[in-house]
C-alpha atoms as a PDB file:
ATOM      1  CA  UNK A   1      -2.183  -6.892 -86.993  1.00  0.00           C
ATOM      2  CA  UNK A   2      -4.910  -9.288 -87.992  1.00  0.00           C
ATOM      3  CA  UNK A   3      -4.079 -12.273 -90.235  1.00  0.00           C
ATOM      4  CA  UNK A   4      -5.769 -12.045 -93.660  1.00  0.00           C
ATOM      5  CA  UNK A   5      -7.628 -15.346 -93.273  1.00  0.00           C
ATOM      6  CA  UNK A   6      -9.442 -14.098 -90.167  1.00  0.00           C
ATOM      7  CA  UNK A   7     -11.457 -11.535 -92.184  1.00  0.00           C
ATOM      8  CA  UNK A   8     -14.740 -12.513 -93.764  1.00  0.00           C
ATOM      9  CA  UNK A   9     -14.175 -11.922 -97.451  1.00  0.00           C
ATOM     10  CA  UNK A  10     -16.582 -13.294-100.029  1.00  0.00           C
ATOM     11  CA  UNK A  11     -15.736 -12.023-103.520  1.00  0.00           C
ATOM     12  CA  UNK A  12     -14.650  -8.585-102.305  1.00  0.00           C
ATOM     13  CA  UNK A  13     -11.027  -7.424-102.779  1.00  0.00           C
ATOM     14  CA  UNK A  14      -9.048  -7.024 -99.568  1.00  0.00           C
ATOM     15  CA  UNK A  15      -5.831  -5.174 -98.775  1.00  0.00           C
ATOM     16  CA  UNK A  16      -3.330  -7.758 -97.652  1.00  0.00           C
ATOM     17  CA  UNK A  17      -1.766  -7.629 -94.200  1.00  0.00           C
ATOM     18  CA  UNK A  18       1.697  -6.448 -95.299  1.00  0.00           C
ATOM     19  CA  UNK A  19       0.168  -3.590 -97.336  1.00  0.00           C
ATOM     20  CA  UNK A  20      -2.176  -2.685 -94.400  1.00  0.00           C
ATOM     21  CA  UNK A  21       0.908  -2.406 -92.162  1.00  0.00           C
ATOM     22  CA  UNK A  22       2.715  -0.058 -94.582  1.00  0.00           C
ATOM     23  CA  UNK A  23      -0.422   1.973 -95.307  1.00  0.00           C
ATOM     24  CA  UNK A  24      -1.238   2.545 -91.643  1.00  0.00           C
ATOM     25  CA  UNK A  25       2.370   3.363 -90.850  1.00  0.00           C
ATOM     26  CA  UNK A  26       2.250   6.047 -93.570  1.00  0.00           C
ATOM     27  CA  UNK A  27      -1.053   7.365 -92.158  1.00  0.00           C
ATOM     28  CA  UNK A  28       0.646   7.970 -88.720  1.00  0.00           C
ATOM     29  CA  UNK A  29      -2.491   7.402 -86.706  1.00  0.00           C
ATOM     30  CA  UNK A  30      -2.806   8.476 -83.089  1.00  0.00           C
ATOM     31  CA  UNK A  31      -5.111   7.098 -80.396  1.00  0.00           C
ATOM     32  CA  UNK A  32      -7.817   9.663 -81.241  1.00  0.00           C
ATOM     33  CA  UNK A  33      -7.397   9.979 -85.033  1.00  0.00           C
ATOM     34  CA  UNK A  34     -10.339  10.604 -87.291  1.00  0.00           C
ATOM     35  CA  UNK A  35      -9.896   8.642 -90.505  1.00  0.00           C
ATOM     36  CA  UNK A  36     -11.703   8.097 -93.827  1.00  0.00           C
ATOM     37  CA  UNK A  37     -11.183   4.777 -95.644  1.00  0.00           C
ATOM     38  CA  UNK A  38     -12.494   5.205 -99.209  1.00  0.00           C
ATOM     39  CA  UNK A  39     -13.145   2.056-101.169  1.00  0.00           C
ATOM     40  CA  UNK A  40     -13.103   0.145 -97.916  1.00  0.00           C
ATOM     41  CA  UNK A  41     -13.797  -3.284 -99.468  1.00  0.00           C
ATOM     42  CA  UNK A  42     -13.932  -5.849 -96.622  1.00  0.00           C
ATOM     43  CA  UNK A  43     -13.103  -3.167 -94.067  1.00  0.00           C
ATOM     44  CA  UNK A  44      -9.672  -4.617 -93.284  1.00  0.00           C
ATOM     45  CA  UNK A  45      -7.961  -1.178 -93.168  1.00  0.00           C
ATOM     46  CA  UNK A  46     -10.917   0.375 -91.332  1.00  0.00           C
ATOM     47  CA  UNK A  47     -10.813  -2.272 -88.648  1.00  0.00           C
ATOM     48  CA  UNK A  48      -7.027  -2.110 -88.247  1.00  0.00           C
ATOM     49  CA  UNK A  49      -7.274   1.686 -88.020  1.00  0.00           C
ATOM     50  CA  UNK A  50     -10.055   1.420 -85.431  1.00  0.00           C
ATOM     51  CA  UNK A  51      -7.823  -0.746 -83.277  1.00  0.00           C
ATOM     52  CA  UNK A  52      -4.902   1.667 -83.609  1.00  0.00           C
ATOM     53  CA  UNK A  53      -7.167   4.688 -82.853  1.00  0.00           C
ATOM     54  CA  UNK A  54      -9.557   3.344 -80.186  1.00  0.00           C
ATOM     55  CA  UNK A  55     -10.523   6.889 -79.100  1.00  0.00           C
ATOM     56  CA  UNK A  56     -10.928   8.089 -82.694  1.00  0.00           C
ATOM     57  CA  UNK A  57     -13.499   7.580 -85.390  1.00  0.00           C
ATOM     58  CA  UNK A  58     -13.128   5.643 -88.654  1.00  0.00           C
ATOM     59  CA  UNK A  59     -15.405   6.240 -91.623  1.00  0.00           C
ATOM     60  CA  UNK A  60     -15.516   3.265 -94.015  1.00  0.00           C
ATOM     61  CA  UNK A  61     -16.875   4.500 -97.380  1.00  0.00           C
ATOM     62  CA  UNK A  62     -17.872   1.782 -99.827  1.00  0.00           C
ATOM     63  CA  UNK A  63     -20.291   1.743-102.822  1.00  0.00           C
ATOM     64  CA  UNK A  64     -20.822  -1.997-103.306  1.00  0.00           C
ATOM     65  CA  UNK A  65     -23.601  -3.495-101.202  1.00  0.00           C
ATOM     66  CA  UNK A  66     -21.889  -6.877-100.792  1.00  0.00           C
ATOM     67  CA  UNK A  67     -18.777  -5.103 -99.468  1.00  0.00           C
ATOM     68  CA  UNK A  68     -20.838  -2.898 -97.124  1.00  0.00           C
ATOM     69  CA  UNK A  69     -22.387  -6.036 -95.617  1.00  0.00           C
ATOM     70  CA  UNK A  70     -18.930  -7.620 -95.249  1.00  0.00           C
ATOM     71  CA  UNK A  71     -17.613  -4.513 -93.511  1.00  0.00           C
ATOM     72  CA  UNK A  72     -20.590  -4.643 -91.113  1.00  0.00           C
ATOM     73  CA  UNK A  73     -19.963  -8.326 -90.377  1.00  0.00           C
ATOM     74  CA  UNK A  74     -16.195  -7.808 -89.923  1.00  0.00           C
ATOM     75  CA  UNK A  75     -16.779  -4.839 -87.632  1.00  0.00           C
ATOM     76  CA  UNK A  76     -18.975  -7.104 -85.466  1.00  0.00           C
ATOM     77  CA  UNK A  77     -16.486  -9.986 -85.628  1.00  0.00           C
ATOM     78  CA  UNK A  78     -13.614  -7.853 -84.409  1.00  0.00           C
ATOM     79  CA  UNK A  79     -15.776  -5.872 -81.921  1.00  0.00           C
ATOM     80  CA  UNK A  80     -14.728  -2.412 -83.015  1.00  0.00           C
ATOM     81  CA  UNK A  81     -17.279   0.223 -82.039  1.00  0.00           C
ATOM     82  CA  UNK A  82     -15.657   3.283 -83.611  1.00  0.00           C
ATOM     83  CA  UNK A  83     -16.277   2.431 -87.329  1.00  0.00           C
ATOM     84  CA  UNK A  84     -19.089   4.162 -89.153  1.00  0.00           C
ATOM     85  CA  UNK A  85     -20.005   2.657 -92.534  1.00  0.00           C
ATOM     86  CA  UNK A  86     -21.097   5.020 -95.285  1.00  0.00           C
ATOM     87  CA  UNK A  87     -22.689   3.339 -98.309  1.00  0.00           C
ATOM     88  CA  UNK A  88     -21.890   5.770-101.110  1.00  0.00           C
ATOM     89  CA  UNK A  89     -19.952   6.038-104.393  1.00  0.00           C
ATOM     90  CA  UNK A  90     -17.238   8.547-103.447  1.00  0.00           C
ATOM     91  CA  UNK A  91     -16.843  11.462-103.762  1.00  0.00           C
ATOM     92  CA  UNK A  92     -20.526  11.288-102.758  1.00  0.00           C
ATOM     93  CA  UNK A  93     -20.767  10.922 -98.991  1.00  0.00           C
ATOM     94  CA  UNK A  94     -17.458  12.675 -98.311  1.00  0.00           C
ATOM     95  CA  UNK A  95     -19.069  16.111 -97.889  1.00  0.00           C
ATOM     96  CA  UNK A  96     -20.562  15.068 -94.518  1.00  0.00           C
ATOM     97  CA  UNK A  97     -17.233  13.964 -93.039  1.00  0.00           C
ATOM     98  CA  UNK A  98     -15.684  15.961 -90.228  1.00  0.00           C
ATOM     99  CA  UNK A  99     -12.123  17.256 -90.313  1.00  0.00           C
ATOM    100  CA  UNK A 100      -9.790  14.284 -90.854  1.00  0.00           C
ATOM    101  CA  UNK A 101      -6.403  13.353 -89.427  1.00  0.00           C
ATOM    102  CA  UNK A 102      -5.915  10.834 -92.229  1.00  0.00           C
ATOM    103  CA  UNK A 103      -7.617   9.562 -95.354  1.00  0.00           C
ATOM    104  CA  UNK A 104      -6.835   6.300 -97.112  1.00  0.00           C
ATOM    105  CA  UNK A 105      -7.906   5.550-100.685  1.00  0.00           C
ATOM    106  CA  UNK A 106      -8.048   1.914-101.722  1.00  0.00           C
ATOM    107  CA  UNK A 107     -10.637   2.167-104.457  1.00  0.00           C
ATOM    108  CA  UNK A 108     -11.981   5.112-106.444  1.00  0.00           C
ATOM    109  CA  UNK A 109     -14.466   3.793-109.019  1.00  0.00           C
ATOM    110  CA  UNK A 110     -12.716   5.912-111.670  1.00  0.00           C
ATOM    111  CA  UNK A 111     -13.166   9.164-109.717  1.00  0.00           C
ATOM    112  CA  UNK A 112      -9.734   9.396-108.099  1.00  0.00           C
ATOM    113  CA  UNK A 113      -9.134  13.126-108.831  1.00  0.00           C
ATOM    114  CA  UNK A 114     -12.492  14.164-107.355  1.00  0.00           C
ATOM    115  CA  UNK A 115     -12.000  11.927-104.313  1.00  0.00           C
ATOM    116  CA  UNK A 116      -8.497  13.274-103.673  1.00  0.00           C
ATOM    117  CA  UNK A 117      -9.717  16.876-103.886  1.00  0.00           C
ATOM    118  CA  UNK A 118     -12.610  16.197-101.514  1.00  0.00           C
ATOM    119  CA  UNK A 119     -10.418  14.365 -99.002  1.00  0.00           C
ATOM    120  CA  UNK A 120      -7.583  16.935 -99.133  1.00  0.00           C
ATOM    121  CA  UNK A 121     -10.140  19.611 -98.360  1.00  0.00           C
ATOM    122  CA  UNK A 122     -11.251  17.654 -95.281  1.00  0.00           C
ATOM    123  CA  UNK A 123      -7.710  17.070 -93.962  1.00  0.00           C
ATOM    124  CA  UNK A 124      -6.440  19.170 -91.101  1.00  0.00           C
ATOM    125  CA  UNK A 125      -3.017  20.767 -91.532  1.00  0.00           C
ATOM    126  CA  UNK A 126      -0.511  17.975 -90.937  1.00  0.00           C
ATOM    127  CA  UNK A 127      -3.114  15.370 -91.945  1.00  0.00           C
ATOM    128  CA  UNK A 128      -2.062  12.583 -94.307  1.00  0.00           C
ATOM    129  CA  UNK A 129      -3.610  11.219 -97.469  1.00  0.00           C
ATOM    130  CA  UNK A 130      -2.496   7.686 -98.369  1.00  0.00           C
ATOM    131  CA  UNK A 131      -3.334   6.215-101.744  1.00  0.00           C
ATOM    132  CA  UNK A 132      -2.946   2.502-102.554  1.00  0.00           C
ATOM    133  CA  UNK A 133      -2.697   1.987-106.282  1.00  0.00           C
ATOM    134  CA  UNK A 134      -2.789  -1.428-107.883  1.00  0.00           C
ATOM    135  CA  UNK A 135      -2.805  -0.386-111.545  1.00  0.00           C
ATOM    136  CA  UNK A 136      -0.331   1.773-113.452  1.00  0.00           C
ATOM    137  CA  UNK A 137      -3.154   4.031-114.567  1.00  0.00           C
ATOM    138  CA  UNK A 138      -4.225   4.711-110.940  1.00  0.00           C
ATOM    139  CA  UNK A 139      -0.588   5.389-109.981  1.00  0.00           C
ATOM    140  CA  UNK A 140      -0.188   7.776-112.932  1.00  0.00           C
ATOM    141  CA  UNK A 141      -3.457   9.575-112.131  1.00  0.00           C
ATOM    142  CA  UNK A 142      -2.521   9.981-108.455  1.00  0.00           C
ATOM    143  CA  UNK A 143       0.964  11.296-109.223  1.00  0.00           C
ATOM    144  CA  UNK A 144      -0.234  13.641-112.002  1.00  0.00           C
ATOM    145  CA  UNK A 145      -2.970  15.028-109.753  1.00  0.00           C
ATOM    146  CA  UNK A 146      -0.559  15.582-106.829  1.00  0.00           C
ATOM    147  CA  UNK A 147       1.793  17.446-109.143  1.00  0.00           C
ATOM    148  CA  UNK A 148      -0.984  19.518-110.745  1.00  0.00           C
ATOM    149  CA  UNK A 149      -2.275  20.529-107.257  1.00  0.00           C
ATOM    150  CA  UNK A 150       1.270  21.368-106.057  1.00  0.00           C
ATOM    151  CA  UNK A 151       1.059  18.783-103.283  1.00  0.00           C
ATOM    152  CA  UNK A 152       4.307  17.414-101.951  1.00  0.00           C
ATOM    153  CA  UNK A 153       4.230  13.600-101.933  1.00  0.00           C
ATOM    154  CA  UNK A 154       6.323  10.536-101.562  1.00  0.00           C
ATOM    155  CA  UNK A 155       5.666   7.268-103.328  1.00  0.00           C
ATOM    156  CA  UNK A 156       7.068   3.783-103.420  1.00  0.00           C
ATOM    157  CA  UNK A 157       6.100   0.503-104.973  1.00  0.00           C
ATOM    158  CA  UNK A 158       6.190  -2.667-102.909  1.00  0.00           C
ATOM    159  CA  UNK A 159       6.104  -6.249-104.041  1.00  0.00           C
ATOM    160  CA  UNK A 160       5.308  -8.838-101.378  1.00  0.00           C
ATOM    161  CA  UNK A 161       6.223 -12.431-101.929  1.00  0.00           C
ATOM    162  CA  UNK A 162       5.028 -14.921 -99.396  1.00  0.00           C
ATOM    163  CA  UNK A 163       6.487 -18.396 -98.872  1.00  0.00           C
ATOM    164  CA  UNK A 164       4.013 -21.184 -98.870  1.00  0.00           C
ATOM    165  CA  UNK A 165       4.573 -24.875 -98.132  1.00  0.00           C
ATOM    166  CA  UNK A 166       4.274 -27.226-101.045  1.00  0.00           C
ATOM    167  CA  UNK A 167       4.940 -30.718 -99.721  1.00  0.00           C
ATOM    168  CA  UNK A 168       8.387 -30.650 -98.141  1.00  0.00           C
ATOM    169  CA  UNK A 169       9.370 -27.458 -99.993  1.00  0.00           C
ATOM    170  CA  UNK A 170       8.741 -23.748 -99.595  1.00  0.00           C
ATOM    171  CA  UNK A 171       7.613 -21.956-102.740  1.00  0.00           C
ATOM    172  CA  UNK A 172       7.447 -18.233-103.427  1.00  0.00           C
ATOM    173  CA  UNK A 173       3.980 -16.858-104.150  1.00  0.00           C
ATOM    174  CA  UNK A 174       3.986 -13.238-105.335  1.00  0.00           C
ATOM    175  CA  UNK A 175       1.161 -10.847-104.536  1.00  0.00           C
ATOM    176  CA  UNK A 176       0.269  -7.966-106.830  1.00  0.00           C
ATOM    177  CA  UNK A 177       2.632  -5.024-106.514  1.00  0.00           C
ATOM    178  CA  UNK A 178       1.128  -1.930-104.888  1.00  0.00           C
ATOM    179  CA  UNK A 179       2.230   1.712-105.222  1.00  0.00           C
ATOM    180  CA  UNK A 180       1.671   3.688-102.012  1.00  0.00           C
ATOM    181  CA  UNK A 181       1.494   7.459-102.465  1.00  0.00           C
ATOM    182  CA  UNK A 182       1.473   9.682 -99.372  1.00  0.00           C
ATOM    183  CA  UNK A 183       0.602  13.385 -99.213  1.00  0.00           C
ATOM    184  CA  UNK A 184       0.865  15.499 -96.085  1.00  0.00           C
ATOM    185  CA  UNK A 185      -1.271  18.618 -95.956  1.00  0.00           C
ATOM    186  CA  UNK A 186       0.962  21.642 -95.358  1.00  0.00           C
END
């Protein structure tokens, strides 16, 4: 896995390394997986997925132009050739995707239900949908939607605390908690 500080970032949110590890483990990618990363931000998950699925295809969907440019620059920096960037405000842009092995949602622009429906429809049987939720409202929306659709899911919240040197001491620095919801298409 790539260290956070190696990604070009600007003012664009980025999924931290520990969360990327858990997210991609839940996605269960194979060497040839086809993956959508919605709300791709800096492209950190897309790039890690591309490295885990070198014979697959990763679609990084992002609506913000600054983020799209950062994804492009990070894709070049890490020399991954299997990432296609789609500049669109999801669920727009999702209709052209092929059948997916996995879909990861990191940002939804307030359209989480519509995005989840579109992605679930694109998943192959056995495919996995992984939702990273930072806010309580996003978590609640994701869980309520999964229940309303009759989707079986698992969810957990993780709090990462990193140690950082402060003089001769080590101090705990907490990162925002993230709830990870995973749905497998039956």
